[in-house]
Amino acid sequence: MALTVAQAFNEFKSRLELSKTFQDKVTSHHNAIREWIESYDSGIETKLIGSLQRKTRIQPRSKDTFDIDILVILGSFYQWVQTGGISPADALDRIESIVSEHETYDKIGPETDSPTITIEYADNTKVELVPAYIDQIGYTSDGTPNPPKGRGYWIPKRNRWIIADYDYDAEYISQKNDETDDYLIPLIKMLKAAKRNLFPEMKSYHLEALAGNIIPLAVSYLKNQGYQVSHPTLAYNFFLLGKDEVVKSVKIPNSKSSYADEYLTSEGKQQLVGKFEKISNYCKSLINSDGKETVEGWRKLFGEPFPSYGV
């Protein structure tokens, strides 16, 4: 059966969801290691973080390694190392020690790769355990205020503590998804598929923060102007607006997390500008048409998960 563009995008949306078999495998892995850690020390709490927490993961390709990010909350943070607090290295050592007490995980061989303890399975999945302390200080090590206390986590990175606002960030993405009538999260997943093909150097959190800032504005504008809101139109708007926004510092508003683009150099940002501009022009050439060539054109952008015209 031949597909219209709208039907192709709906099918694409479905294909990006984790298959039941894969979801069961992921759930089995993270439940097992979380149960072990929490049973070893009842004072420790664990939770999923990253794109699993934000519900933005997509079905991996056969060659991809699927990361399962787990926060291991060791307690609350009241003081810095200089005044008797725990060091990043000690926190990592504690998690590795707990994991290594389990015979199966010890045989796999957990590795320290700050800010995580990593366990790689033979089925192309990898658990990354992130030691964390709940922020009860409210300021950074140099005295910069970072309110509110009780929100956010201090995690180790390059032998220092940095703040990460995982729960707030996930709630923000969820809220913006609701505000956009459930367009934001599916579109983020579609953009991640394009990222794998066309701009893999961009980190997923950066893409999500950028989309979280752009897509709600695009949806609001299209509605106010009486235009139809659709996945193709929003994909076009992301790259059209993103080519100007990607050179700027990108952050989820009011988040305590670091800027999402801090890993990129100025040159790296300019390279993304060039790619986004090229992609936006490509999307523009497809946006007002339908039929076989258009469906195949979108497939060229998003890659194999996007269906062919004849399904």
Protein backbone atom coordinates (compact mmCIF):
# COMPACT_ATOMS: atom_id res chain seq x y z
CA MET A 1 0.00 0.00 0.00
CA ALA A 2 1.34 3.44 -0.96
CA LEU A 3 1.74 5.92 1.90
CA THR A 4 0.97 9.61 2.12
CA VAL A 5 3.49 11.79 3.97
CA ALA A 6 1.18 11.97 7.01
CA GLN A 7 0.80 8.19 7.08
CA ALA A 8 4.55 7.73 6.67
CA PHE A 9 5.27 10.00 9.65
CA ASN A 10 2.73 8.16 11.80
CA GLU A 11 4.37 4.86 10.91
CA PHE A 12 7.81 6.39 11.57
CA LYS A 13 6.64 7.53 15.00
CA SER A 14 5.55 3.98 15.81
CA ARG A 15 8.80 2.41 14.60
CA LEU A 16 10.90 4.61 16.87
CA GLU A 17 9.30 3.20 20.01
CA LEU A 18 11.25 0.51 21.83
CA SER A 19 10.04 -2.94 20.85
CA LYS A 20 8.51 -5.03 23.64
CA THR A 21 11.37 -7.52 23.43
CA PHE A 22 13.96 -4.79 23.76
CA GLN A 23 12.05 -2.95 26.48
CA ASP A 24 11.80 -6.18 28.47
CA LYS A 25 15.56 -6.68 28.17
CA VAL A 26 16.28 -3.12 29.32
CA THR A 27 13.84 -3.44 32.23
CA SER A 28 15.38 -6.74 33.30
CA HIS A 29 18.90 -5.29 33.33
CA HIS A 30 18.12 -2.12 35.25
CA ASN A 31 15.78 -3.77 37.73
CA ALA A 32 18.35 -6.45 38.60
CA ILE A 33 21.24 -4.12 39.30
CA ARG A 34 19.08 -1.56 41.09
CA GLU A 35 17.65 -4.27 43.36
CA TRP A 36 21.15 -5.49 44.16
CA ILE A 37 22.46 -2.03 45.05
CA GLU A 38 19.44 -1.11 47.16
CA SER A 39 19.45 -4.46 48.97
CA TYR A 40 23.18 -4.10 49.70
CA ASP A 41 22.62 -0.74 51.40
CA SER A 42 19.08 0.25 52.36
CA GLY A 43 20.16 3.89 52.60
CA ILE A 44 20.80 4.06 48.86
CA GLU A 45 18.11 4.98 46.34
CA THR A 46 18.36 4.42 42.59
CA LYS A 47 16.43 5.85 39.64
CA LEU A 48 16.57 5.95 35.87
CA ILE A 49 17.92 9.17 34.40
CA GLY A 50 18.81 10.47 30.95
CA SER A 51 16.59 9.85 27.96
CA LEU A 52 14.90 6.85 29.61
CA GLN A 53 13.72 9.16 32.38
CA ARG A 54 12.70 11.81 29.83
CA LYS A 55 10.98 9.13 27.68
CA THR A 56 12.91 10.17 24.58
CA ARG A 57 14.81 6.94 23.78
CA ILE A 58 14.42 5.40 20.34
CA GLN A 59 14.75 1.83 19.14
CA PRO A 60 18.48 1.26 18.53
CA ARG A 61 19.89 -0.04 15.27
CA SER A 62 21.36 -3.54 15.38
CA LYS A 63 24.92 -2.19 15.65
CA ASP A 64 24.17 0.37 18.37
CA THR A 65 24.97 0.02 22.07
CA PHE A 66 22.01 1.00 24.24
CA ASP A 67 22.95 2.97 27.37
CA ILE A 68 20.90 2.52 30.54
CA ASP A 69 21.68 5.48 32.82
CA ILE A 70 21.01 4.92 36.51
CA LEU A 71 21.45 7.47 39.28
CA VAL A 72 22.74 6.00 42.54
CA ILE A 73 21.77 8.41 45.31
CA LEU A 74 24.20 7.89 48.19
CA GLY A 75 22.76 10.55 50.48
CA SER A 76 22.62 14.32 50.77
CA PHE A 77 25.41 16.83 50.23
CA TYR A 78 26.00 19.33 53.04
CA GLN A 79 29.68 20.20 52.73
CA TRP A 80 32.54 20.31 50.24
CA VAL A 81 35.63 18.10 50.33
CA GLN A 82 37.71 20.89 51.88
CA THR A 83 35.45 20.89 54.93
CA GLY A 84 35.08 17.14 55.35
CA GLY A 85 32.80 16.15 52.49
CA ILE A 86 33.27 13.08 50.30
CA SER A 87 35.48 13.28 47.21
CA PRO A 88 34.31 12.33 43.68
CA ALA A 89 36.84 9.47 43.59
CA ASP A 90 35.55 8.05 46.88
CA ALA A 91 31.96 8.11 45.62
CA LEU A 92 32.93 6.23 42.45
CA ASP A 93 34.95 3.72 44.46
CA ARG A 94 31.98 3.08 46.73
CA ILE A 95 29.69 2.22 43.82
CA GLU A 96 32.30 0.02 42.16
CA SER A 97 32.86 -1.80 45.45
CA ILE A 98 29.13 -2.51 45.87
CA VAL A 99 28.75 -3.74 42.30
CA SER A 100 31.84 -5.94 42.54
CA GLU A 101 30.37 -7.72 45.56
CA HIS A 102 27.88 -9.33 43.16
CA GLU A 103 29.48 -12.38 41.53
CA THR A 104 27.88 -11.89 38.11
CA TYR A 105 28.72 -8.19 37.84
CA ASP A 106 32.23 -8.80 39.13
CA LYS A 107 32.80 -11.34 36.35
CA ILE A 108 31.55 -8.87 33.73
CA GLY A 109 34.08 -6.41 35.05
CA PRO A 110 32.70 -2.98 36.04
CA GLU A 111 34.84 -0.10 34.80
CA THR A 112 35.23 3.42 36.15
CA ASP A 113 34.62 6.05 33.48
CA SER A 114 33.89 9.27 35.38
CA PRO A 115 31.13 10.19 36.06
CA THR A 116 30.02 6.57 35.82
CA ILE A 117 30.69 2.97 36.75
CA THR A 118 30.02 1.05 33.55
CA ILE A 119 28.86 -2.53 33.03
CA GLU A 120 28.71 -3.78 29.45
CA TYR A 121 26.55 -6.78 28.57
CA ALA A 122 26.99 -9.13 25.64
CA ASP A 123 23.60 -8.10 24.17
CA ASN A 124 24.67 -4.57 23.14
CA THR A 125 23.33 -2.92 26.27
CA LYS A 126 25.39 -1.01 28.81
CA VAL A 127 24.50 0.13 32.32
CA GLU A 128 26.07 3.38 33.46
CA LEU A 129 25.83 4.00 37.22
CA VAL A 130 26.17 7.63 38.29
CA PRO A 131 27.00 8.29 41.98
CA ALA A 132 25.05 11.26 43.31
CA TYR A 133 24.27 13.31 46.40
CA ILE A 134 21.15 15.44 46.77
CA ASP A 135 22.08 19.12 46.85
CA GLN A 136 21.53 20.48 50.35
CA ILE A 137 24.14 23.23 49.97
CA GLY A 138 22.56 25.60 47.46
CA TYR A 139 25.82 27.02 46.11
CA THR A 140 28.79 25.84 44.05
CA SER A 141 32.29 25.22 45.41
CA ASP A 142 33.33 28.79 44.50
CA GLY A 143 30.39 30.24 46.43
CA THR A 144 28.08 30.96 43.50
CA PRO A 145 24.44 30.64 44.63
CA ASN A 146 22.64 27.69 43.05
CA PRO A 147 19.17 27.53 44.64
CA PRO A 148 16.94 25.91 45.63
CA LYS A 149 18.38 23.54 48.21
CA GLY A 150 16.98 20.04 48.07
CA ARG A 151 16.72 19.98 44.27
CA GLY A 152 19.36 18.61 41.93
CA TYR A 153 22.25 16.20 42.42
CA TRP A 154 25.99 16.58 42.74
CA ILE A 155 27.73 14.06 40.48
CA PRO A 156 31.46 13.47 39.81
CA LYS A 157 33.04 14.66 36.56
CA ARG A 158 36.76 15.06 35.86
CA ASN A 159 37.47 14.63 39.59
CA ARG A 160 35.18 17.47 40.66
CA TRP A 161 31.54 17.79 41.64
CA ILE A 162 29.04 19.23 39.15
CA ILE A 163 25.31 19.82 39.58
CA ALA A 164 22.73 17.94 37.51
CA ASP A 165 19.00 18.71 37.65
CA TYR A 166 17.73 15.41 36.23
CA ASP A 167 14.23 15.42 37.74
CA TYR A 168 13.56 19.05 36.86
CA ASP A 169 14.81 18.56 33.30
CA ALA A 170 12.58 15.50 32.79
CA GLU A 171 9.56 17.33 34.19
CA TYR A 172 10.26 20.30 31.91
CA ILE A 173 10.32 18.12 28.79
CA SER A 174 7.12 16.37 29.92
CA GLN A 175 5.38 19.69 30.59
CA LYS A 176 6.39 21.11 27.20
CA ASN A 177 5.19 17.92 25.54
CA ASP A 178 1.76 18.46 27.12
CA GLU A 179 1.77 22.12 26.04
CA THR A 180 2.49 21.10 22.45
CA ASP A 181 -0.34 18.54 22.32
CA ASP A 182 2.10 15.64 22.46
CA TYR A 183 4.24 16.82 19.55
CA LEU A 184 7.53 17.55 21.39
CA ILE A 185 8.65 14.08 22.57
CA PRO A 186 7.76 12.26 19.32
CA LEU A 187 9.55 14.97 17.35
CA ILE A 188 12.63 14.69 19.58
CA LYS A 189 12.71 10.98 18.77
CA MET A 190 12.47 11.74 15.05
CA LEU A 191 15.26 14.30 15.30
CA LYS A 192 17.43 11.72 17.07
CA ALA A 193 17.00 9.41 14.09
CA ALA A 194 18.16 12.22 11.80
CA LYS A 195 21.04 12.95 14.18
CA ARG A 196 22.35 9.40 13.83
CA ASN A 197 22.66 9.91 10.08
CA LEU A 198 23.54 13.57 9.63
CA PHE A 199 24.99 15.19 12.77
CA PRO A 200 26.06 12.44 15.21
CA GLU A 201 28.49 14.79 16.95
CA MET A 202 25.58 16.55 18.67
CA LYS A 203 24.81 15.12 22.11
CA SER A 204 21.27 13.95 22.74
CA TYR A 205 20.73 16.18 25.78
CA HIS A 206 21.80 19.20 23.70
CA LEU A 207 19.29 18.27 20.99
CA GLU A 208 16.52 17.80 23.57
CA ALA A 209 17.19 21.11 25.29
CA LEU A 210 17.27 22.91 21.94
CA ALA A 211 14.06 21.23 20.78
CA GLY A 212 12.41 21.99 24.13
CA ASN A 213 13.09 25.68 23.54
CA ILE A 214 12.16 25.79 19.84
CA ILE A 215 9.22 23.42 19.30
CA PRO A 216 6.74 24.95 21.81
CA LEU A 217 7.29 28.36 20.19
CA ALA A 218 6.84 26.87 16.72
CA VAL A 219 3.61 25.10 17.72
CA SER A 220 2.24 28.30 19.27
CA TYR A 221 3.14 30.35 16.19
CA LEU A 222 1.59 27.87 13.74
CA LYS A 223 -1.63 27.71 15.76
CA ASN A 224 -1.89 31.49 16.09
CA GLN A 225 -1.39 31.94 12.36
CA GLY A 226 -3.98 29.31 11.53
CA TYR A 227 -1.47 26.89 10.00
CA GLN A 228 -1.65 23.14 10.39
CA VAL A 229 0.69 21.68 12.99
CA SER A 230 2.41 18.55 11.71
CA HIS A 231 5.60 16.59 12.27
CA PRO A 232 7.08 17.59 8.88
CA THR A 233 6.40 21.28 9.53
CA LEU A 234 7.90 21.12 13.02
CA ALA A 235 10.98 19.24 11.78
CA TYR A 236 11.50 22.00 9.21
CA ASN A 237 11.06 24.69 11.88
CA PHE A 238 13.53 22.98 14.20
CA PHE A 239 16.33 23.16 11.64
CA LEU A 240 15.28 26.59 10.31
CA LEU A 241 15.30 28.18 13.77
CA GLY A 242 17.97 25.87 15.15
CA LYS A 243 20.64 27.10 12.72
CA ASP A 244 20.54 30.46 14.53
CA GLU A 245 20.03 29.10 18.03
CA VAL A 246 22.74 26.42 17.98
CA VAL A 247 25.52 29.03 18.13
CA LYS A 248 24.12 30.31 21.44
CA SER A 249 24.40 28.83 24.90
CA VAL A 250 21.56 26.33 25.26
CA LYS A 251 19.97 25.54 28.60
CA ILE A 252 16.66 24.25 29.89
CA PRO A 253 15.15 27.38 31.50
CA ASN A 254 15.72 27.58 35.28
CA SER A 255 17.54 24.24 35.33
CA LYS A 256 20.51 23.84 37.66
CA SER A 257 22.19 21.58 35.08
CA SER A 258 25.12 22.86 33.06
CA TYR A 259 24.66 24.38 29.62
CA ALA A 260 23.77 21.62 27.18
CA ASP A 261 26.28 22.85 24.57
CA GLU A 262 29.34 23.15 26.80
CA TYR A 263 31.05 20.19 25.09
CA LEU A 264 31.15 22.04 21.75
CA THR A 265 33.85 24.43 20.53
CA SER A 266 32.94 27.53 18.52
CA GLU A 267 34.11 25.67 15.44
CA GLY A 268 31.89 22.73 16.32
CA LYS A 269 28.89 25.03 16.65
CA GLN A 270 29.60 26.59 13.26
CA GLN A 271 29.72 23.15 11.70
CA LEU A 272 26.27 22.42 13.13
CA VAL A 273 25.02 25.74 11.76
CA GLY A 274 26.10 24.68 8.28
CA LYS A 275 24.47 21.26 8.62
CA PHE A 276 21.23 22.69 10.04
CA GLU A 277 21.01 25.25 7.24
CA LYS A 278 21.48 22.56 4.61
CA ILE A 279 18.88 20.33 6.27
CA SER A 280 16.36 23.17 6.65
CA ASN A 281 16.66 23.98 2.94
CA TYR A 282 16.17 20.30 2.18
CA CYS A 283 13.05 20.16 4.40
CA LYS A 284 11.70 23.28 2.72
CA SER A 285 11.88 21.52 -0.64
CA LEU A 286 9.64 18.73 0.72
CA ILE A 287 7.27 20.59 2.98
CA ASN A 288 4.43 21.43 0.58
CA SER A 289 4.33 18.26 -1.48
CA ASP A 290 3.22 14.65 -1.17
CA GLY A 291 3.58 11.40 -3.06
CA LYS A 292 6.33 8.90 -3.65
CA GLU A 293 9.25 11.29 -4.17
CA THR A 294 8.35 13.27 -1.05
CA VAL A 295 8.01 10.20 1.17
CA GLU A 296 11.32 8.88 -0.13
CA GLY A 297 12.82 12.34 0.43
CA TRP A 298 11.90 12.29 4.10
CA ARG A 299 13.23 8.74 4.34
CA LYS A 300 16.56 9.99 3.03
CA LEU A 301 16.66 12.54 5.86
CA PHE A 302 15.62 10.30 8.75
CA GLY A 303 17.12 7.00 7.64
CA GLU A 304 15.88 3.43 7.60
CA PRO A 305 13.29 3.65 10.40
CA PHE A 306 11.29 5.96 8.12
CA PRO A 307 9.06 3.81 5.88
CA SER A 308 9.37 3.60 2.11
CA TYR A 309 6.55 4.88 -0.06
CA GLY A 310 5.33 1.33 -0.65
CA VAL A 311 5.87 0.42 3.06
